[in-house]
């Protein structure tokens, strides 16, 4: 879930993809450890973000996130995995 190689990203934009990768790694760790409470809270946070149209990922109200199709697709792919 990374931006295409040809996309030039600013610091905050690259930070978004790094955060998404960290969240995915944390989710995988919680699964491996069988941490039911951790998974429950992780799922809850993703369901709430999904319900709000993923605005929870753009805490600064970034217009970029709404316009960047790769970011929206990365979020959708990640949430489909977590919320399945």
PDB file of N, CA and C in Angstrom:
ATOM      1  N   UNK A   1       0.829  -1.186   0.000  1.00  0.00           N
ATOM      2  CA  UNK A   1       0.000   0.000   0.000  1.00  0.00           C
ATOM      3  C   UNK A   1       0.872   1.248   0.000  1.00  0.00           C
ATOM      4  N   UNK A   2       1.581   1.420  -1.059  1.00  0.00           N
ATOM      5  CA  UNK A   2       2.465   2.579  -1.178  1.00  0.00           C
ATOM      6  C   UNK A   2       2.098   3.332  -2.436  1.00  0.00           C
ATOM      7  N   UNK A   3       2.473   4.589  -2.518  1.00  0.00           N
ATOM      8  CA  UNK A   3       2.190   5.364  -3.721  1.00  0.00           C
ATOM      9  C   UNK A   3       3.000   4.848  -4.889  1.00  0.00           C
ATOM     10  N   UNK A   4       2.519   5.066  -6.116  1.00  0.00           N
ATOM     11  CA  UNK A   4       3.295   4.670  -7.284  1.00  0.00           C
ATOM     12  C   UNK A   4       4.651   5.354  -7.273  1.00  0.00           C
ATOM     13  N   UNK A   5       5.650   4.684  -7.853  1.00  0.00           N
ATOM     14  CA  UNK A   5       7.024   5.194  -7.819  1.00  0.00           C
ATOM     15  C   UNK A   5       7.150   6.571  -8.464  1.00  0.00           C
ATOM     16  N   UNK A   6       6.331   6.879  -9.455  1.00  0.00           N
ATOM     17  CA  UNK A   6       6.443   8.147 -10.160  1.00  0.00           C
ATOM     18  C   UNK A   6       5.846   9.334  -9.419  1.00  0.00           C
ATOM     19  N   UNK A   7       5.091   9.086  -8.363  1.00  0.00           N
ATOM     20  CA  UNK A   7       4.454  10.180  -7.633  1.00  0.00           C
ATOM     21  C   UNK A   7       5.459  10.861  -6.713  1.00  0.00           C
ATOM     22  N   UNK A   8       5.571  12.165  -6.830  1.00  0.00           N
ATOM     23  CA  UNK A   8       6.417  12.930  -5.919  1.00  0.00           C
ATOM     24  C   UNK A   8       5.552  13.356  -4.740  1.00  0.00           C
ATOM     25  N   UNK A   9       5.950  12.972  -3.552  1.00  0.00           N
ATOM     26  CA  UNK A   9       5.150  13.262  -2.371  1.00  0.00           C
ATOM     27  C   UNK A   9       5.886  14.234  -1.465  1.00  0.00           C
ATOM     28  N   UNK A  10       5.107  15.070  -0.811  1.00  0.00           N
ATOM     29  CA  UNK A  10       5.675  15.975   0.181  1.00  0.00           C
ATOM     30  C   UNK A  10       5.867  15.206   1.484  1.00  0.00           C
ATOM     31  N   UNK A  11       6.476  15.839   2.469  1.00  0.00           N
ATOM     32  CA  UNK A  11       6.692  15.211   3.770  1.00  0.00           C
ATOM     33  C   UNK A  11       5.418  14.693   4.405  1.00  0.00           C
ATOM     34  N   UNK A  12       4.375  15.537   4.523  1.00  0.00           N
ATOM     35  CA  UNK A  12       3.128  15.044   5.136  1.00  0.00           C
ATOM     36  C   UNK A  12       2.480  13.907   4.346  1.00  0.00           C
ATOM     37  N   UNK A  13       2.602  13.956   3.038  1.00  0.00           N
ATOM     38  CA  UNK A  13       2.010  12.899   2.218  1.00  0.00           C
ATOM     39  C   UNK A  13       2.750  11.586   2.418  1.00  0.00           C
ATOM     40  N   UNK A  14       4.075  11.636   2.424  1.00  0.00           N
ATOM     41  CA  UNK A  14       4.862  10.421   2.670  1.00  0.00           C
ATOM     42  C   UNK A  14       4.599   9.914   4.078  1.00  0.00           C
ATOM     43  N   UNK A  15       4.411  10.818   5.003  1.00  0.00           N
ATOM     44  CA  UNK A  15       4.111  10.454   6.384  1.00  0.00           C
ATOM     45  C   UNK A  15       2.800   9.677   6.465  1.00  0.00           C
ATOM     46  N   UNK A  16       1.820  10.051   5.651  1.00  0.00           N
ATOM     47  CA  UNK A  16       0.542   9.336   5.619  1.00  0.00           C
ATOM     48  C   UNK A  16       0.755   7.869   5.263  1.00  0.00           C
ATOM     49  N   UNK A  17       1.524   7.618   4.184  1.00  0.00           N
ATOM     50  CA  UNK A  17       1.749   6.237   3.762  1.00  0.00           C
ATOM     51  C   UNK A  17       2.570   5.473   4.799  1.00  0.00           C
ATOM     52  N   UNK A  18       3.510   6.141   5.452  1.00  0.00           N
ATOM     53  CA  UNK A  18       4.293   5.496   6.508  1.00  0.00           C
ATOM     54  C   UNK A  18       3.381   5.113   7.673  1.00  0.00           C
ATOM     55  N   UNK A  19       2.461   5.998   8.032  1.00  0.00           N
ATOM     56  CA  UNK A  19       1.520   5.716   9.116  1.00  0.00           C
ATOM     57  C   UNK A  19       0.626   4.536   8.762  1.00  0.00           C
ATOM     58  N   UNK A  20       0.165   4.491   7.534  1.00  0.00           N
ATOM     59  CA  UNK A  20      -0.687   3.383   7.105  1.00  0.00           C
ATOM     60  C   UNK A  20       0.081   2.065   7.155  1.00  0.00           C
ATOM     61  N   UNK A  21       1.354   2.077   6.745  1.00  0.00           N
ATOM     62  CA  UNK A  21       2.173   0.863   6.823  1.00  0.00           C
ATOM     63  C   UNK A  21       2.373   0.444   8.284  1.00  0.00           C
ATOM     64  N   UNK A  22       2.578   1.410   9.185  1.00  0.00           N
ATOM     65  CA  UNK A  22       2.743   1.102  10.607  1.00  0.00           C
ATOM     66  C   UNK A  22       1.468   0.499  11.187  1.00  0.00           C
ATOM     67  N   UNK A  23       0.316   1.037  10.786  1.00  0.00           N
ATOM     68  CA  UNK A  23      -0.952   0.502  11.287  1.00  0.00           C
ATOM     69  C   UNK A  23      -1.137  -0.937  10.809  1.00  0.00           C
ATOM     70  N   UNK A  24      -0.767  -1.222   9.556  1.00  0.00           N
ATOM     71  CA  UNK A  24      -0.884  -2.580   9.024  1.00  0.00           C
ATOM     72  C   UNK A  24       0.045  -3.531   9.772  1.00  0.00           C
ATOM     73  N   UNK A  25       1.257  -3.077  10.079  1.00  0.00           N
ATOM     74  CA  UNK A  25       2.206  -3.910  10.828  1.00  0.00           C
ATOM     75  C   UNK A  25       1.685  -4.167  12.242  1.00  0.00           C
ATOM     76  N   UNK A  26       1.105  -3.160  12.859  1.00  0.00           N
ATOM     77  CA  UNK A  26       0.541  -3.316  14.201  1.00  0.00           C
ATOM     78  C   UNK A  26      -0.610  -4.317  14.176  1.00  0.00           C
ATOM     79  N   UNK A  27      -1.454  -4.234  13.155  1.00  0.00           N
ATOM     80  CA  UNK A  27      -2.577  -5.165  13.024  1.00  0.00           C
ATOM     81  C   UNK A  27      -2.061  -6.596  12.880  1.00  0.00           C
ATOM     82  N   UNK A  28      -1.031  -6.782  12.047  1.00  0.00           N
ATOM     83  CA  UNK A  28      -0.452  -8.121  11.863  1.00  0.00           C
ATOM     84  C   UNK A  28       0.143  -8.638  13.171  1.00  0.00           C
ATOM     85  N   UNK A  29       0.795  -7.753  13.935  1.00  0.00           N
ATOM     86  CA  UNK A  29       1.368  -8.148  15.223  1.00  0.00           C
ATOM     87  C   UNK A  29       0.268  -8.578  16.195  1.00  0.00           C
ATOM     88  N   UNK A  30      -0.821  -7.803  16.242  1.00  0.00           N
ATOM     89  CA  UNK A  30      -1.933  -8.147  17.131  1.00  0.00           C
ATOM     90  C   UNK A  30      -2.521  -9.504  16.766  1.00  0.00           C
ATOM     91  N   UNK A  31      -2.630  -9.780  15.470  1.00  0.00           N
ATOM     92  CA  UNK A  31      -3.143 -11.083  15.028  1.00  0.00           C
ATOM     93  C   UNK A  31      -2.203 -12.202  15.448  1.00  0.00           C
ATOM     94  N   UNK A  32      -0.914 -11.993  15.222  1.00  0.00           N
ATOM     95  CA  UNK A  32       0.076 -13.029  15.553  1.00  0.00           C
ATOM     96  C   UNK A  32       0.091 -13.329  17.048  1.00  0.00           C
ATOM     97  N   UNK A  33      -0.095 -12.287  17.862  1.00  0.00           N
ATOM     98  CA  UNK A  33      -0.085 -12.467  19.311  1.00  0.00           C
ATOM     99  C   UNK A  33      -1.424 -12.961  19.853  1.00  0.00           C
ATOM    100  N   UNK A  34      -2.460 -12.956  19.019  1.00  0.00           N
ATOM    101  CA  UNK A  34      -3.785 -13.371  19.475  1.00  0.00           C
ATOM    102  C   UNK A  34      -4.381 -12.391  20.475  1.00  0.00           C
ATOM    103  N   UNK A  35      -4.017 -11.120  20.355  1.00  0.00           N
ATOM    104  CA  UNK A  35      -4.482 -10.078  21.284  1.00  0.00           C
ATOM    105  C   UNK A  35      -5.905  -9.662  20.905  1.00  0.00           C
ATOM    106  N   UNK A  36      -6.888 -10.314  21.519  1.00  0.00           N
ATOM    107  CA  UNK A  36      -8.278 -10.059  21.160  1.00  0.00           C
ATOM    108  C   UNK A  36      -8.718  -8.635  21.492  1.00  0.00           C
ATOM    109  N   UNK A  37      -8.281  -8.116  22.622  1.00  0.00           N
ATOM    110  CA  UNK A  37      -8.673  -6.753  22.985  1.00  0.00           C
ATOM    111  C   UNK A  37      -8.018  -5.727  22.055  1.00  0.00           C
ATOM    112  N   UNK A  38      -6.753  -5.935  21.739  1.00  0.00           N
ATOM    113  CA  UNK A  38      -6.070  -5.042  20.814  1.00  0.00           C
ATOM    114  C   UNK A  38      -6.739  -5.054  19.450  1.00  0.00           C
ATOM    115  N   UNK A  39      -7.088  -6.246  18.970  1.00  0.00           N
ATOM    116  CA  UNK A  39      -7.775  -6.367  17.679  1.00  0.00           C
ATOM    117  C   UNK A  39      -9.142  -5.704  17.728  1.00  0.00           C
ATOM    118  N   UNK A  40      -9.831  -5.858  18.845  1.00  0.00           N
ATOM    119  CA  UNK A  40     -11.155  -5.257  18.977  1.00  0.00           C
ATOM    120  C   UNK A  40     -11.072  -3.730  18.861  1.00  0.00           C
ATOM    121  N   UNK A  41     -10.123  -3.123  19.564  1.00  0.00           N
ATOM    122  CA  UNK A  41      -9.996  -1.674  19.507  1.00  0.00           C
ATOM    123  C   UNK A  41      -9.484  -1.197  18.155  1.00  0.00           C
ATOM    124  N   UNK A  42      -8.616  -1.990  17.531  1.00  0.00           N
ATOM    125  CA  UNK A  42      -8.128  -1.644  16.203  1.00  0.00           C
ATOM    126  C   UNK A  42      -9.285  -1.667  15.201  1.00  0.00           C
ATOM    127  N   UNK A  43     -10.080  -2.714  15.247  1.00  0.00           N
ATOM    128  CA  UNK A  43     -11.241  -2.823  14.363  1.00  0.00           C
ATOM    129  C   UNK A  43     -12.199  -1.668  14.603  1.00  0.00           C
ATOM    130  N   UNK A  44     -12.449  -1.367  15.861  1.00  0.00           N
ATOM    131  CA  UNK A  44     -13.363  -0.266  16.195  1.00  0.00           C
ATOM    132  C   UNK A  44     -12.882   1.052  15.593  1.00  0.00           C
ATOM    133  N   UNK A  45     -11.592   1.330  15.699  1.00  0.00           N
ATOM    134  CA  UNK A  45     -11.076   2.596  15.163  1.00  0.00           C
ATOM    135  C   UNK A  45     -11.217   2.649  13.642  1.00  0.00           C
ATOM    136  N   UNK A  46     -10.965   1.516  12.972  1.00  0.00           N
ATOM    137  CA  UNK A  46     -11.084   1.507  11.510  1.00  0.00           C
ATOM    138  C   UNK A  46     -12.544   1.623  11.070  1.00  0.00           C
ATOM    139  N   UNK A  47     -13.458   0.978  11.789  1.00  0.00           N
ATOM    140  CA  UNK A  47     -14.868   1.092  11.451  1.00  0.00           C
ATOM    141  C   UNK A  47     -15.359   2.529  11.632  1.00  0.00           C
ATOM    142  N   UNK A  48     -14.875   3.195  12.680  1.00  0.00           N
ATOM    143  CA  UNK A  48     -15.270   4.592  12.897  1.00  0.00           C
ATOM    144  C   UNK A  48     -14.714   5.492  11.796  1.00  0.00           C
ATOM    145  N   UNK A  49     -13.456   5.281  11.418  1.00  0.00           N
ATOM    146  CA  UNK A  49     -12.873   6.078  10.320  1.00  0.00           C
ATOM    147  C   UNK A  49     -13.641   5.839   9.019  1.00  0.00           C
ATOM    148  N   UNK A  50     -13.958   4.572   8.775  1.00  0.00           N
ATOM    149  CA  UNK A  50     -14.697   4.213   7.560  1.00  0.00           C
ATOM    150  C   UNK A  50     -16.059   4.892   7.548  1.00  0.00           C
ATOM    151  N   UNK A  51     -16.734   4.884   8.687  1.00  0.00           N
ATOM    152  CA  UNK A  51     -18.050   5.505   8.801  1.00  0.00           C
ATOM    153  C   UNK A  51     -17.997   7.007   8.523  1.00  0.00           C
ATOM    154  N   UNK A  52     -16.890   7.642   8.901  1.00  0.00           N
ATOM    155  CA  UNK A  52     -16.730   9.084   8.706  1.00  0.00           C
ATOM    156  C   UNK A  52     -16.112   9.426   7.355  1.00  0.00           C
ATOM    157  N   UNK A  53     -16.082   8.467   6.453  1.00  0.00           N
ATOM    158  CA  UNK A  53     -15.526   8.734   5.135  1.00  0.00           C
ATOM    159  C   UNK A  53     -14.019   8.891   5.157  1.00  0.00           C
ATOM    160  N   UNK A  54     -13.362   8.219   6.099  1.00  0.00           N
ATOM    161  CA  UNK A  54     -11.907   8.215   6.241  1.00  0.00           C
ATOM    162  C   UNK A  54     -11.328   9.568   6.603  1.00  0.00           C
ATOM    163  N   UNK A  55     -12.139  10.461   7.121  1.00  0.00           N
ATOM    164  CA  UNK A  55     -11.615  11.761   7.557  1.00  0.00           C
ATOM    165  C   UNK A  55     -10.669  11.620   8.734  1.00  0.00           C
ATOM    166  N   UNK A  56     -10.734  10.520   9.460  1.00  0.00           N
ATOM    167  CA  UNK A  56      -9.834  10.302  10.577  1.00  0.00           C
ATOM    168  C   UNK A  56      -8.388  10.162  10.167  1.00  0.00           C
ATOM    169  N   UNK A  57      -8.141   9.893   8.887  1.00  0.00           N
ATOM    170  CA  UNK A  57      -6.769   9.789   8.401  1.00  0.00           C
ATOM    171  C   UNK A  57      -6.185  11.145   8.080  1.00  0.00           C
ATOM    172  N   UNK A  58      -7.018  12.156   7.904  1.00  0.00           N
ATOM    173  CA  UNK A  58      -6.544  13.492   7.556  1.00  0.00           C
ATOM    174  C   UNK A  58      -6.822  14.419   8.720  1.00  0.00           C
ATOM    175  N   UNK A  59      -6.092  14.227   9.797  1.00  0.00           N
ATOM    176  CA  UNK A  59      -6.361  14.997  11.013  1.00  0.00           C
ATOM    177  C   UNK A  59      -6.241  16.498  10.784  1.00  0.00           C
ATOM    178  N   UNK A  60      -5.386  16.887   9.841  1.00  0.00           N
ATOM    179  CA  UNK A  60      -5.220  18.312   9.575  1.00  0.00           C
ATOM    180  C   UNK A  60      -6.222  18.803   8.528  1.00  0.00           C
ATOM    181  N   UNK A  61      -7.182  17.963   8.141  1.00  0.00           N
ATOM    182  CA  UNK A  61      -8.184  18.350   7.149  1.00  0.00           C
ATOM    183  C   UNK A  61      -7.598  18.471   5.751  1.00  0.00           C
ATOM    184  N   UNK A  62      -6.623  17.632   5.463  1.00  0.00           N
ATOM    185  CA  UNK A  62      -5.873  17.702   4.217  1.00  0.00           C
ATOM    186  C   UNK A  62      -6.762  17.521   2.989  1.00  0.00           C
ATOM    187  N   UNK A  63      -6.750  18.501   2.135  1.00  0.00           N
ATOM    188  CA  UNK A  63      -7.445  18.398   0.856  1.00  0.00           C
ATOM    189  C   UNK A  63      -6.758  17.352  -0.015  1.00  0.00           C
ATOM    190  N   UNK A  64      -5.440  17.219   0.170  1.00  0.00           N
ATOM    191  CA  UNK A  64      -4.669  16.256  -0.610  1.00  0.00           C
ATOM    192  C   UNK A  64      -5.234  14.853  -0.482  1.00  0.00           C
ATOM    193  N   UNK A  65      -5.597  14.450   0.730  1.00  0.00           N
ATOM    194  CA  UNK A  65      -6.077  13.094   0.940  1.00  0.00           C
ATOM    195  C   UNK A  65      -7.363  12.838   0.171  1.00  0.00           C
ATOM    196  N   UNK A  66      -8.238  13.821   0.131  1.00  0.00           N
ATOM    197  CA  UNK A  66      -9.499  13.647  -0.597  1.00  0.00           C
ATOM    198  C   UNK A  66      -9.263  13.573  -2.103  1.00  0.00           C
ATOM    199  N   UNK A  67      -8.199  14.199  -2.584  1.00  0.00           N
ATOM    200  CA  UNK A  67      -7.944  14.238  -4.023  1.00  0.00           C
ATOM    201  C   UNK A  67      -6.996  13.144  -4.503  1.00  0.00           C
ATOM    202  N   UNK A  68      -6.269  12.494  -3.624  1.00  0.00           N
ATOM    203  CA  UNK A  68      -5.242  11.533  -4.003  1.00  0.00           C
ATOM    204  C   UNK A  68      -5.855  10.141  -4.088  1.00  0.00           C
ATOM    205  N   UNK A  69      -6.119   9.677  -5.297  1.00  0.00           N
ATOM    206  CA  UNK A  69      -6.810   8.400  -5.466  1.00  0.00           C
ATOM    207  C   UNK A  69      -5.988   7.235  -4.922  1.00  0.00           C
ATOM    208  N   UNK A  70      -4.674   7.295  -5.023  1.00  0.00           N
ATOM    209  CA  UNK A  70      -3.852   6.209  -4.509  1.00  0.00           C
ATOM    210  C   UNK A  70      -4.004   6.097  -2.999  1.00  0.00           C
ATOM    211  N   UNK A  71      -4.079   7.228  -2.311  1.00  0.00           N
ATOM    212  CA  UNK A  71      -4.263   7.212  -0.857  1.00  0.00           C
ATOM    213  C   UNK A  71      -5.623   6.619  -0.503  1.00  0.00           C
ATOM    214  N   UNK A  72      -6.654   7.037  -1.215  1.00  0.00           N
ATOM    215  CA  UNK A  72      -7.993   6.500  -0.931  1.00  0.00           C
ATOM    216  C   UNK A  72      -8.045   4.997  -1.190  1.00  0.00           C
ATOM    217  N   UNK A  73      -7.384   4.546  -2.257  1.00  0.00           N
ATOM    218  CA  UNK A  73      -7.358   3.122  -2.567  1.00  0.00           C
ATOM    219  C   UNK A  73      -6.575   2.343  -1.512  1.00  0.00           C
ATOM    220  N   UNK A  74      -5.480   2.920  -1.027  1.00  0.00           N
ATOM    221  CA  UNK A  74      -4.689   2.258   0.013  1.00  0.00           C
ATOM    222  C   UNK A  74      -5.502   2.111   1.286  1.00  0.00           C
ATOM    223  N   UNK A  75      -6.239   3.152   1.644  1.00  0.00           N
ATOM    224  CA  UNK A  75      -7.095   3.086   2.829  1.00  0.00           C
ATOM    225  C   UNK A  75      -8.171   2.026   2.641  1.00  0.00           C
ATOM    226  N   UNK A  76      -8.828   2.025   1.494  1.00  0.00           N
ATOM    227  CA  UNK A  76      -9.901   1.058   1.234  1.00  0.00           C
ATOM    228  C   UNK A  76      -9.373  -0.372   1.295  1.00  0.00           C
ATOM    229  N   UNK A  77      -8.200  -0.608   0.714  1.00  0.00           N
ATOM    230  CA  UNK A  77      -7.604  -1.946   0.722  1.00  0.00           C
ATOM    231  C   UNK A  77      -7.281  -2.382   2.155  1.00  0.00           C
ATOM    232  N   UNK A  78      -6.686  -1.472   2.910  1.00  0.00           N
ATOM    233  CA  UNK A  78      -6.328  -1.762   4.309  1.00  0.00           C
ATOM    234  C   UNK A  78      -7.570  -2.036   5.137  1.00  0.00           C
ATOM    235  N   UNK A  79      -8.594  -1.193   5.000  1.00  0.00           N
ATOM    236  CA  UNK A  79      -9.801  -1.369   5.790  1.00  0.00           C
ATOM    237  C   UNK A  79     -10.553  -2.643   5.390  1.00  0.00           C
ATOM    238  N   UNK A  80     -10.514  -3.003   4.127  1.00  0.00           N
ATOM    239  CA  UNK A  80     -11.170  -4.241   3.707  1.00  0.00           C
ATOM    240  C   UNK A  80     -10.528  -5.429   4.414  1.00  0.00           C
ATOM    241  N   UNK A  81      -9.204  -5.376   4.575  1.00  0.00           N
ATOM    242  CA  UNK A  81      -8.495  -6.461   5.265  1.00  0.00           C
ATOM    243  C   UNK A  81      -8.843  -6.474   6.753  1.00  0.00           C
ATOM    244  N   UNK A  82      -8.838  -5.314   7.385  1.00  0.00           N
ATOM    245  CA  UNK A  82      -9.093  -5.233   8.828  1.00  0.00           C
ATOM    246  C   UNK A  82     -10.559  -5.516   9.149  1.00  0.00           C
ATOM    247  N   UNK A  83     -11.454  -5.006   8.344  1.00  0.00           N
ATOM    248  CA  UNK A  83     -12.891  -5.060   8.656  1.00  0.00           C
ATOM    249  C   UNK A  83     -13.599  -6.238   8.021  1.00  0.00           C
ATOM    250  N   UNK A  84     -12.860  -7.191   7.480  1.00  0.00           N
ATOM    251  CA  UNK A  84     -13.500  -8.329   6.808  1.00  0.00           C
ATOM    252  C   UNK A  84     -14.297  -9.182   7.738  1.00  0.00           C
TER     253      UNK A  84
END
